[in-house]
PDB file of all heavy atoms in Angstrom:
ATOM      1  N   GLU A   1     -24.939   8.894  -2.511  1.00  0.00           N
ATOM      2  CA  GLU A   1     -24.888   7.605  -3.215  1.00  0.00           C
ATOM      3  C   GLU A   1     -23.455   7.262  -3.614  1.00  0.00           C
ATOM      4  O   GLU A   1     -23.021   6.101  -3.495  1.00  0.00           O
ATOM      5  CB  GLU A   1     -25.779   7.655  -4.464  1.00  0.00           C
ATOM      6  CG  GLU A   1     -27.273   7.729  -4.187  1.00  0.00           C
ATOM      7  CD  GLU A   1     -27.720   9.091  -3.670  1.00  0.00           C
ATOM      8  OE1 GLU A   1     -26.967  10.080  -3.857  1.00  0.00           O
ATOM      9  OE2 GLU A   1     -28.814   9.156  -3.076  1.00  0.00           O
ATOM     10  N   VAL A   2     -22.705   8.254  -4.085  1.00  0.00           N
ATOM     11  CA  VAL A   2     -21.312   8.028  -4.471  1.00  0.00           C
ATOM     12  C   VAL A   2     -20.475   7.642  -3.252  1.00  0.00           C
ATOM     13  O   VAL A   2     -19.651   6.718  -3.306  1.00  0.00           O
ATOM     14  CB  VAL A   2     -20.733   9.282  -5.159  1.00  0.00           C
ATOM     15  CG1 VAL A   2     -19.213   9.226  -5.245  1.00  0.00           C
ATOM     16  CG2 VAL A   2     -21.313   9.424  -6.564  1.00  0.00           C
ATOM     17  N   LYS A   3     -20.683   8.325  -2.135  1.00  0.00           N
ATOM     18  CA  LYS A   3     -19.950   7.995  -0.911  1.00  0.00           C
ATOM     19  C   LYS A   3     -20.228   6.561  -0.474  1.00  0.00           C
ATOM     20  O   LYS A   3     -19.309   5.807  -0.127  1.00  0.00           O
ATOM     21  CB  LYS A   3     -20.318   8.971   0.204  1.00  0.00           C
ATOM     22  CG  LYS A   3     -19.896  10.403  -0.048  1.00  0.00           C
ATOM     23  CD  LYS A   3     -20.465  11.334   1.021  1.00  0.00           C
ATOM     24  CE  LYS A   3     -20.252  12.789   0.660  1.00  0.00           C
ATOM     25  NZ  LYS A   3     -20.921  13.701   1.625  1.00  0.00           N
ATOM     26  N   LYS A   4     -21.504   6.191  -0.485  1.00  0.00           N
ATOM     27  CA  LYS A   4     -21.878   4.836  -0.047  1.00  0.00           C
ATOM     28  C   LYS A   4     -21.338   3.778  -1.011  1.00  0.00           C
ATOM     29  O   LYS A   4     -20.971   2.684  -0.585  1.00  0.00           O
ATOM     30  CB  LYS A   4     -23.389   4.729   0.075  1.00  0.00           C
ATOM     31  CG  LYS A   4     -23.964   5.536   1.239  1.00  0.00           C
ATOM     32  CD  LYS A   4     -25.485   5.455   1.266  1.00  0.00           C
ATOM     33  CE  LYS A   4     -26.053   6.278   2.419  1.00  0.00           C
ATOM     34  NZ  LYS A   4     -27.539   6.267   2.421  1.00  0.00           N
ATOM     35  N   ARG A   5     -21.301   4.106  -2.292  1.00  0.00           N
ATOM     36  CA  ARG A   5     -20.840   3.126  -3.280  1.00  0.00           C
ATOM     37  C   ARG A   5     -19.340   2.881  -3.207  1.00  0.00           C
ATOM     38  O   ARG A   5     -18.879   1.737  -3.321  1.00  0.00           O
ATOM     39  CB  ARG A   5     -21.214   3.606  -4.689  1.00  0.00           C
ATOM     40  CG  ARG A   5     -20.522   2.869  -5.839  1.00  0.00           C
ATOM     41  CD  ARG A   5     -20.849   1.386  -5.854  1.00  0.00           C
ATOM     42  NE  ARG A   5     -20.066   0.668  -6.850  1.00  0.00           N
ATOM     43  CZ  ARG A   5     -18.842   0.184  -6.666  1.00  0.00           C
ATOM     44  NH1 ARG A   5     -18.233   0.351  -5.473  1.00  0.00           N
ATOM     45  NH2 ARG A   5     -18.214  -0.473  -7.611  1.00  0.00           N
ATOM     46  N   PHE A   6     -18.535   3.948  -2.995  1.00  0.00           N
ATOM     47  CA  PHE A   6     -17.103   3.809  -3.219  1.00  0.00           C
ATOM     48  C   PHE A   6     -16.218   3.796  -1.975  1.00  0.00           C
ATOM     49  O   PHE A   6     -15.151   3.169  -1.992  1.00  0.00           O
ATOM     50  CB  PHE A   6     -16.614   4.926  -4.147  1.00  0.00           C
ATOM     51  CG  PHE A   6     -17.102   4.807  -5.557  1.00  0.00           C
ATOM     52  CD1 PHE A   6     -17.945   5.759  -6.109  1.00  0.00           C
ATOM     53  CD2 PHE A   6     -16.718   3.727  -6.346  1.00  0.00           C
ATOM     54  CE1 PHE A   6     -18.389   5.647  -7.414  1.00  0.00           C
ATOM     55  CE2 PHE A   6     -17.161   3.595  -7.653  1.00  0.00           C
ATOM     56  CZ  PHE A   6     -18.003   4.562  -8.188  1.00  0.00           C
ATOM     57  N   LEU A   7     -16.583   4.478  -0.907  1.00  0.00           N
ATOM     58  CA  LEU A   7     -15.628   4.665   0.182  1.00  0.00           C
ATOM     59  C   LEU A   7     -15.240   3.369   0.883  1.00  0.00           C
ATOM     60  O   LEU A   7     -14.051   3.129   1.152  1.00  0.00           O
ATOM     61  CB  LEU A   7     -16.190   5.671   1.203  1.00  0.00           C
ATOM     62  CG  LEU A   7     -16.197   7.129   0.742  1.00  0.00           C
ATOM     63  CD1 LEU A   7     -16.880   8.009   1.781  1.00  0.00           C
ATOM     64  CD2 LEU A   7     -14.780   7.632   0.481  1.00  0.00           C
ATOM     65  N   ARG A   8     -16.197   2.520   1.204  1.00  0.00           N
ATOM     66  CA  ARG A   8     -15.870   1.304   1.961  1.00  0.00           C
ATOM     67  C   ARG A   8     -14.989   0.340   1.167  1.00  0.00           C
ATOM     68  O   ARG A   8     -13.922  -0.079   1.656  1.00  0.00           O
ATOM     69  CB  ARG A   8     -17.140   0.609   2.446  1.00  0.00           C
ATOM     70  CG  ARG A   8     -16.859  -0.466   3.509  1.00  0.00           C
ATOM     71  CD  ARG A   8     -18.161  -1.089   4.003  1.00  0.00           C
ATOM     72  NE  ARG A   8     -17.965  -1.913   5.182  1.00  0.00           N
ATOM     73  CZ  ARG A   8     -17.556  -3.181   5.181  1.00  0.00           C
ATOM     74  NH1 ARG A   8     -17.269  -3.770   4.016  1.00  0.00           N
ATOM     75  NH2 ARG A   8     -17.411  -3.856   6.300  1.00  0.00           N
ATOM     76  N   PRO A   9     -15.372  -0.059  -0.075  1.00  0.00           N
ATOM     77  CA  PRO A   9     -14.491  -0.977  -0.820  1.00  0.00           C
ATOM     78  C   PRO A   9     -13.146  -0.366  -1.161  1.00  0.00           C
ATOM     79  O   PRO A   9     -12.158  -1.082  -1.338  1.00  0.00           O
ATOM     80  CB  PRO A   9     -15.306  -1.321  -2.075  1.00  0.00           C
ATOM     81  CG  PRO A   9     -16.313  -0.235  -2.204  1.00  0.00           C
ATOM     82  CD  PRO A   9     -16.627   0.203  -0.805  1.00  0.00           C
ATOM     83  N   MET A  10     -13.089   0.965  -1.256  1.00  0.00           N
ATOM     84  CA  MET A  10     -11.806   1.630  -1.459  1.00  0.00           C
ATOM     85  C   MET A  10     -10.910   1.423  -0.246  1.00  0.00           C
ATOM     86  O   MET A  10      -9.725   1.073  -0.373  1.00  0.00           O
ATOM     87  CB  MET A  10     -12.038   3.132  -1.686  1.00  0.00           C
ATOM     88  CG  MET A  10     -10.785   3.973  -1.781  1.00  0.00           C
ATOM     89  SD  MET A  10     -11.157   5.746  -1.670  1.00  0.00           S
ATOM     90  CE  MET A  10     -12.296   5.952  -3.017  1.00  0.00           C
ATOM     91  N   PHE A  11     -11.472   1.613   0.947  1.00  0.00           N
ATOM     92  CA  PHE A  11     -10.670   1.507   2.160  1.00  0.00           C
ATOM     93  C   PHE A  11     -10.262   0.069   2.452  1.00  0.00           C
ATOM     94  O   PHE A  11      -9.144  -0.183   2.924  1.00  0.00           O
ATOM     95  CB  PHE A  11     -11.427   2.085   3.361  1.00  0.00           C
ATOM     96  CG  PHE A  11     -10.606   2.098   4.612  1.00  0.00           C
ATOM     97  CD1 PHE A  11      -9.617   3.048   4.802  1.00  0.00           C
ATOM     98  CD2 PHE A  11     -10.785   1.133   5.595  1.00  0.00           C
ATOM     99  CE1 PHE A  11      -8.825   3.045   5.945  1.00  0.00           C
ATOM    100  CE2 PHE A  11     -10.002   1.117   6.741  1.00  0.00           C
ATOM    101  CZ  PHE A  11      -9.016   2.086   6.916  1.00  0.00           C
ATOM    102  N   THR A  12     -11.127  -0.881   2.170  1.00  0.00           N
ATOM    103  CA  THR A  12     -10.782  -2.272   2.443  1.00  0.00           C
ATOM    104  C   THR A  12      -9.736  -2.810   1.467  1.00  0.00           C
ATOM    105  O   THR A  12      -9.108  -3.833   1.729  1.00  0.00           O
ATOM    106  CB  THR A  12     -12.022  -3.174   2.360  1.00  0.00           C
ATOM    107  OG1 THR A  12     -12.563  -3.129   1.029  1.00  0.00           O
ATOM    108  CG2 THR A  12     -13.088  -2.739   3.367  1.00  0.00           C
ATOM    109  N   GLY A  13      -9.551  -2.113   0.340  1.00  0.00           N
ATOM    110  CA  GLY A  13      -8.609  -2.585  -0.670  1.00  0.00           C
ATOM    111  C   GLY A  13      -9.239  -3.508  -1.685  1.00  0.00           C
ATOM    112  O   GLY A  13      -8.554  -4.010  -2.581  1.00  0.00           O
ATOM    113  N   GLU A  14     -10.548  -3.715  -1.582  1.00  0.00           N
ATOM    114  CA  GLU A  14     -11.226  -4.580  -2.550  1.00  0.00           C
ATOM    115  C   GLU A  14     -11.329  -3.911  -3.914  1.00  0.00           C
ATOM    116  O   GLU A  14     -11.483  -4.598  -4.932  1.00  0.00           O
ATOM    117  CB  GLU A  14     -12.616  -4.934  -2.017  1.00  0.00           C
ATOM    118  CG  GLU A  14     -12.567  -5.808  -0.759  1.00  0.00           C
ATOM    119  CD  GLU A  14     -13.910  -5.924  -0.070  1.00  0.00           C
ATOM    120  OE1 GLU A  14     -14.309  -4.942   0.605  1.00  0.00           O
ATOM    121  OE2 GLU A  14     -14.546  -6.983  -0.194  1.00  0.00           O
ATOM    122  N   GLU A  15     -11.284  -2.581  -3.936  1.00  0.00           N
ATOM    123  CA  GLU A  15     -11.252  -1.837  -5.189  1.00  0.00           C
ATOM    124  C   GLU A  15     -10.073  -0.866  -5.160  1.00  0.00           C
ATOM    125  O   GLU A  15      -9.935  -0.063  -4.226  1.00  0.00           O
ATOM    126  CB  GLU A  15     -12.566  -1.073  -5.404  1.00  0.00           C
ATOM    127  CG  GLU A  15     -13.749  -2.011  -5.631  1.00  0.00           C
ATOM    128  CD  GLU A  15     -15.065  -1.273  -5.841  1.00  0.00           C
ATOM    129  OE1 GLU A  15     -15.124  -0.049  -5.598  1.00  0.00           O
ATOM    130  OE2 GLU A  15     -16.035  -1.940  -6.253  1.00  0.00           O
ATOM    131  N   VAL A  16      -9.233  -0.960  -6.168  1.00  0.00           N
ATOM    132  CA  VAL A  16      -8.010  -0.147  -6.254  1.00  0.00           C
ATOM    133  C   VAL A  16      -8.248   1.016  -7.209  1.00  0.00           C
ATOM    134  O   VAL A  16      -8.901   0.858  -8.254  1.00  0.00           O
ATOM    135  CB  VAL A  16      -6.827  -1.015  -6.728  1.00  0.00           C
ATOM    136  CG1 VAL A  16      -5.579  -0.176  -6.910  1.00  0.00           C
ATOM    137  CG2 VAL A  16      -6.578  -2.143  -5.731  1.00  0.00           C
ATOM    138  N   TRP A  17      -7.687   2.179  -6.861  1.00  0.00           N
ATOM    139  CA  TRP A  17      -7.898   3.392  -7.646  1.00  0.00           C
ATOM    140  C   TRP A  17      -6.605   3.901  -8.273  1.00  0.00           C
ATOM    141  O   TRP A  17      -5.508   3.583  -7.812  1.00  0.00           O
ATOM    142  CB  TRP A  17      -8.487   4.496  -6.759  1.00  0.00           C
ATOM    143  CG  TRP A  17      -9.937   4.283  -6.446  1.00  0.00           C
ATOM    144  CD1 TRP A  17     -10.475   3.285  -5.678  1.00  0.00           C
ATOM    145  CD2 TRP A  17     -11.043   5.059  -6.908  1.00  0.00           C
ATOM    146  NE1 TRP A  17     -11.840   3.398  -5.628  1.00  0.00           N
ATOM    147  CE2 TRP A  17     -12.218   4.482  -6.369  1.00  0.00           C
ATOM    148  CE3 TRP A  17     -11.154   6.201  -7.708  1.00  0.00           C
ATOM    149  CZ2 TRP A  17     -13.482   5.009  -6.620  1.00  0.00           C
ATOM    150  CZ3 TRP A  17     -12.413   6.728  -7.956  1.00  0.00           C
ATOM    151  CH2 TRP A  17     -13.566   6.128  -7.418  1.00  0.00           C
ATOM    152  N   CYS A  18      -6.773   4.693  -9.329  1.00  0.00           N
ATOM    153  CA  CYS A  18      -5.653   5.416  -9.937  1.00  0.00           C
ATOM    154  C   CYS A  18      -6.124   6.826 -10.280  1.00  0.00           C
ATOM    155  O   CYS A  18      -7.302   7.158 -10.125  1.00  0.00           O
ATOM    156  CB  CYS A  18      -5.129   4.691 -11.177  1.00  0.00           C
ATOM    157  SG  CYS A  18      -6.250   4.732 -12.606  1.00  0.00           S
ATOM    158  N   GLN A  19      -5.223   7.633 -10.773  1.00  0.00           N
ATOM    159  CA  GLN A  19      -5.493   9.039 -11.064  1.00  0.00           C
ATOM    160  C   GLN A  19      -5.363   9.289 -12.555  1.00  0.00           C
ATOM    161  O   GLN A  19      -4.341   8.955 -13.160  1.00  0.00           O
ATOM    162  CB  GLN A  19      -4.512   9.909 -10.279  1.00  0.00           C
ATOM    163  CG  GLN A  19      -4.755  11.397 -10.359  1.00  0.00           C
ATOM    164  CD  GLN A  19      -3.762  12.164  -9.493  1.00  0.00           C
ATOM    165  OE1 GLN A  19      -2.877  11.580  -8.888  1.00  0.00           O
ATOM    166  NE2 GLN A  19      -3.900  13.474  -9.440  1.00  0.00           N
ATOM    167  N   LEU A  20      -6.378   9.895 -13.165  1.00  0.00           N
ATOM    168  CA  LEU A  20      -6.393  10.168 -14.604  1.00  0.00           C
ATOM    169  C   LEU A  20      -6.530  11.669 -14.813  1.00  0.00           C
ATOM    170  O   LEU A  20      -7.608  12.186 -15.094  1.00  0.00           O
ATOM    171  CB  LEU A  20      -7.560   9.411 -15.267  1.00  0.00           C
ATOM    172  CG  LEU A  20      -7.588   7.895 -15.049  1.00  0.00           C
ATOM    173  CD1 LEU A  20      -8.866   7.287 -15.617  1.00  0.00           C
ATOM    174  CD2 LEU A  20      -6.370   7.229 -15.663  1.00  0.00           C
ATOM    175  N   PHE A  21      -5.411  12.384 -14.666  1.00  0.00           N
ATOM    176  CA  PHE A  21      -5.406  13.837 -14.756  1.00  0.00           C
ATOM    177  C   PHE A  21      -4.610  14.326 -15.964  1.00  0.00           C
ATOM    178  O   PHE A  21      -5.151  14.903 -16.894  1.00  0.00           O
ATOM    179  CB  PHE A  21      -4.829  14.444 -13.469  1.00  0.00           C
ATOM    180  CG  PHE A  21      -5.807  14.585 -12.338  1.00  0.00           C
ATOM    181  CD1 PHE A  21      -6.842  13.689 -12.158  1.00  0.00           C
ATOM    182  CD2 PHE A  21      -5.679  15.614 -11.420  1.00  0.00           C
ATOM    183  CE1 PHE A  21      -7.741  13.820 -11.112  1.00  0.00           C
ATOM    184  CE2 PHE A  21      -6.574  15.772 -10.374  1.00  0.00           C
ATOM    185  CZ  PHE A  21      -7.604  14.868 -10.216  1.00  0.00           C
ATOM    186  N   SER A  22      -3.295  14.128 -15.942  1.00  0.00           N
ATOM    187  CA  SER A  22      -2.416  14.700 -16.967  1.00  0.00           C
ATOM    188  C   SER A  22      -2.716  14.162 -18.358  1.00  0.00           C
ATOM    189  O   SER A  22      -3.166  13.023 -18.527  1.00  0.00           O
ATOM    190  CB  SER A  22      -0.953  14.407 -16.622  1.00  0.00           C
ATOM    191  OG  SER A  22      -0.574  15.069 -15.446  1.00  0.00           O
ATOM    192  N   GLU A  23      -2.434  15.005 -19.343  1.00  0.00           N
ATOM    193  CA  GLU A  23      -2.583  14.629 -20.741  1.00  0.00           C
ATOM    194  C   GLU A  23      -1.328  15.061 -21.502  1.00  0.00           C
ATOM    195  O   GLU A  23      -0.539  15.876 -20.986  1.00  0.00           O
ATOM    196  CB  GLU A  23      -3.817  15.315 -21.351  1.00  0.00           C
ATOM    197  CG  GLU A  23      -5.120  14.906 -20.695  1.00  0.00           C
ATOM    198  CD  GLU A  23      -6.345  15.577 -21.306  1.00  0.00           C
ATOM    199  OE1 GLU A  23      -6.181  16.297 -22.326  1.00  0.00           O
ATOM    200  OE2 GLU A  23      -7.434  15.388 -20.773  1.00  0.00           O
ATOM    201  N   PRO A  24      -1.119  14.562 -22.712  1.00  0.00           N
ATOM    202  CA  PRO A  24       0.066  14.977 -23.477  1.00  0.00           C
ATOM    203  C   PRO A  24       0.175  16.496 -23.637  1.00  0.00           C
ATOM    204  O   PRO A  24       1.273  17.037 -23.690  1.00  0.00           O
ATOM    205  CB  PRO A  24      -0.129  14.270 -24.821  1.00  0.00           C
ATOM    206  CG  PRO A  24      -0.919  13.046 -24.482  1.00  0.00           C
ATOM    207  CD  PRO A  24      -1.849  13.468 -23.395  1.00  0.00           C
ATOM    208  N   GLY A  25      -0.958  17.201 -23.707  1.00  0.00           N
ATOM    209  CA  GLY A  25      -0.927  18.648 -23.867  1.00  0.00           C
ATOM    210  C   GLY A  25      -1.399  19.404 -22.645  1.00  0.00           C
ATOM    211  O   GLY A  25      -1.661  20.610 -22.730  1.00  0.00           O
ATOM    212  N   ALA A  26      -1.515  18.721 -21.513  1.00  0.00           N
ATOM    213  CA  ALA A  26      -2.019  19.372 -20.298  1.00  0.00           C
ATOM    214  C   ALA A  26      -1.393  18.704 -19.078  1.00  0.00           C
ATOM    215  O   ALA A  26      -1.952  17.778 -18.494  1.00  0.00           O
ATOM    216  CB  ALA A  26      -3.549  19.284 -20.220  1.00  0.00           C
TER     217      ALA A  26
END
């Protein structure tokens, strides 16, 4: 379900992504 929901609009550029990893203490 996650693959079907996100991969296509991600590749077409209709949905833009970012990365939320680092923290002030990590």
